[in-house]
Each structure stands twice: as structure tokens, then as C-alpha cells.
């Protein structure tokens, strides 16, 4: 991964910065590549966050996530990297990212990462 991935993400001004509220975004078609086998990995991502001064712009999030389609990266790494990039651009008060990957070889994985300001 490189800095260009993060540069794709955009945010916009939160119109209610004095209120805590939760935004949930579900991305059911996330794909990346297993760095060991080169096979595609499929999963769904759920973002839950309390915005501060900005909110994530959804089209930019979609374009950001599409960049992982050819990226060889482990589940744990990609989940943490995505949350790190999200937090650096959106600067939420709190955020959780849950990544649920489809079974491969009879084993599925769920990775949950959290951030609190």
C-alpha cells in the first residue's frame, strides 16, 4: 500500500458537530488478494463511527476500497490499515471497523478494530 490509497478518501463538514450520533456504512463487496496464495479474498466491511468536525464522503470511500482489489494483504493488516486511513482523514470521535471475510478452506475470519479519540 502507498500514500495514494489514503489520498483517495475525502470528507465533508459535519452539520451537527455538537451532537454525538452514529453513522453506519456497510460495504458488502470488499475484495483483496491473499499474499500467500494470490487468490482473491472476499468480505464485507461495516464502519460505525461518531463524527466530529467531518464525515466521510461515500463515493471517495468506495473508490478507496476498490484500490485493494489487487493488493496482496492479510485480513488483519488490511482491516487495521483501512481504519488508520479512515481516522486520519475523517478524525472521528470514535470508530469501529468490522471486517467479515468469507470462508476459505472451511475457515472464516472476523476482524474488529476500534478507535477512540
Protein backbone atom coordinates (compact mmCIF):
# COMPACT_ATOMS: atom_id res chain seq x y z
CA UNK A 1 0.00 0.00 0.00
CA UNK A 2 1.07 3.53 -0.53
CA UNK A 3 0.06 7.05 0.43
CA UNK A 4 -2.03 7.33 -2.76
CA UNK A 5 -4.59 4.96 -1.23
CA UNK A 6 -5.28 7.41 1.62
CA UNK A 7 -5.32 10.40 -0.76
CA UNK A 8 -8.47 8.97 -2.36
CA UNK A 9 -10.51 9.46 0.84
CA UNK A 10 -12.41 12.72 1.22
CA UNK A 11 -14.54 14.24 3.95
CA UNK A 12 -17.11 16.99 4.26
CA UNK A 13 -18.19 19.26 7.09
CA UNK A 14 -20.41 17.75 9.77
CA UNK A 15 -23.50 19.96 10.08
CA UNK A 16 -24.12 18.75 13.67
CA UNK A 17 -20.69 18.77 15.36
CA UNK A 18 -22.16 19.40 18.83
CA UNK A 19 -24.20 16.19 18.78
CA UNK A 20 -23.00 12.61 19.17
CA UNK A 21 -24.64 10.41 16.56
CA UNK A 22 -23.63 7.19 14.88
CA UNK A 23 -23.07 6.72 11.18
CA UNK A 24 -23.00 3.12 9.95
CA UNK A 25 -21.74 2.28 6.49
CA UNK A 26 -21.98 -1.25 5.10
CA UNK A 27 -19.72 -2.30 2.22
CA UNK A 28 -20.73 -5.85 1.20
CA UNK A 29 -18.34 -6.33 -1.73
CA UNK A 30 -14.82 -5.78 -0.41
CA UNK A 31 -12.06 -7.69 -2.18
CA UNK A 32 -8.32 -8.02 -1.74
CA UNK A 33 -5.76 -10.72 -2.51
CA UNK A 34 -4.19 -13.32 -0.23
CA UNK A 35 -0.44 -12.56 -0.16
CA UNK A 36 0.40 -16.27 0.28
CA UNK A 37 -1.74 -17.85 -2.44
CA UNK A 38 -2.56 -14.96 -4.76
CA UNK A 39 -6.22 -15.98 -4.54
CA UNK A 40 -8.94 -13.33 -4.12
CA UNK A 41 -10.35 -12.67 -0.66
CA UNK A 42 -13.96 -11.55 -0.33
CA UNK A 43 -15.55 -9.85 2.61
CA UNK A 44 -17.89 -7.23 3.93
CA UNK A 45 -16.89 -4.15 5.88
CA UNK A 46 -19.03 -2.31 8.42
CA UNK A 47 -17.92 1.12 9.55
CA UNK A 48 -19.57 2.60 12.67
CA UNK A 49 -18.39 6.00 13.75
CA UNK A 50 -19.31 9.12 15.68
CA UNK A 51 -18.21 12.09 13.57
CA UNK A 52 -16.51 15.13 15.00
CA UNK A 53 -15.98 18.00 12.57
CA UNK A 54 -16.19 15.95 9.36
CA UNK A 55 -17.94 12.95 7.79
CA UNK A 56 -16.58 10.59 5.15
CA UNK A 57 -17.69 11.21 1.58
CA UNK A 58 -19.15 7.89 0.38
CA UNK A 59 -18.00 7.89 -3.25
CA UNK A 60 -14.44 8.53 -2.13
CA UNK A 61 -14.72 5.63 0.35
CA UNK A 62 -15.93 3.36 -2.45
CA UNK A 63 -13.02 4.37 -4.71
CA UNK A 64 -10.57 3.97 -1.82
CA UNK A 65 -11.78 0.43 -1.06
CA UNK A 66 -11.63 -0.57 -4.74
CA UNK A 67 -7.88 0.04 -4.69
CA UNK A 68 -7.44 -3.10 -2.55
CA UNK A 69 -8.73 -5.43 -5.29
CA UNK A 70 -5.22 -6.27 -6.46
CA UNK A 71 -3.41 -5.70 -3.17
CA UNK A 72 -1.77 -8.75 -1.54
CA UNK A 73 -2.52 -8.19 2.13
CA UNK A 74 -3.57 -10.26 5.16
CA UNK A 75 -7.03 -9.75 6.72
CA UNK A 76 -5.64 -8.31 9.93
CA UNK A 77 -3.36 -5.89 8.14
CA UNK A 78 -5.94 -4.59 5.69
CA UNK A 79 -8.55 -4.05 8.43
CA UNK A 80 -6.14 -2.06 10.61
CA UNK A 81 -4.77 -0.11 7.63
CA UNK A 82 -8.25 0.88 6.48
CA UNK A 83 -9.23 2.11 9.93
CA UNK A 84 -5.94 4.04 10.24
CA UNK A 85 -6.55 5.77 6.90
CA UNK A 86 -10.20 6.45 7.76
CA UNK A 87 -9.27 8.01 11.11
CA UNK A 88 -6.51 10.14 9.60
CA UNK A 89 -8.90 11.68 7.06
CA UNK A 90 -12.21 11.83 8.97
CA UNK A 91 -10.89 12.31 12.53
CA UNK A 92 -13.99 10.87 14.21
CA UNK A 93 -14.62 10.86 17.95
CA UNK A 94 -14.97 7.08 17.88
CA UNK A 95 -14.86 4.47 15.15
CA UNK A 96 -15.18 0.72 14.73
CA UNK A 97 -14.48 -1.29 11.62
CA UNK A 98 -15.72 -4.87 11.40
CA UNK A 99 -14.37 -6.95 8.51
CA UNK A 100 -16.12 -10.28 7.86
CA UNK A 101 -14.33 -12.44 5.34
CA UNK A 102 -15.98 -15.35 3.52
CA UNK A 103 -14.80 -18.89 4.25
CA UNK A 104 -11.73 -20.27 2.60
CA UNK A 105 -10.83 -23.89 3.29
CA UNK A 106 -13.71 -24.09 5.76
CA UNK A 107 -12.46 -21.18 7.90
CA UNK A 108 -13.88 -17.67 8.02
CA UNK A 109 -12.49 -14.67 9.87
CA UNK A 110 -13.98 -11.61 11.54
CA UNK A 111 -11.62 -8.78 12.41
CA UNK A 112 -12.83 -5.88 14.58
CA UNK A 113 -10.72 -2.79 15.22
CA UNK A 114 -11.61 0.25 17.30
CA UNK A 115 -10.50 3.82 17.66
CA UNK A 116 -11.36 6.38 20.34
CA UNK A 117 -10.12 9.98 20.32
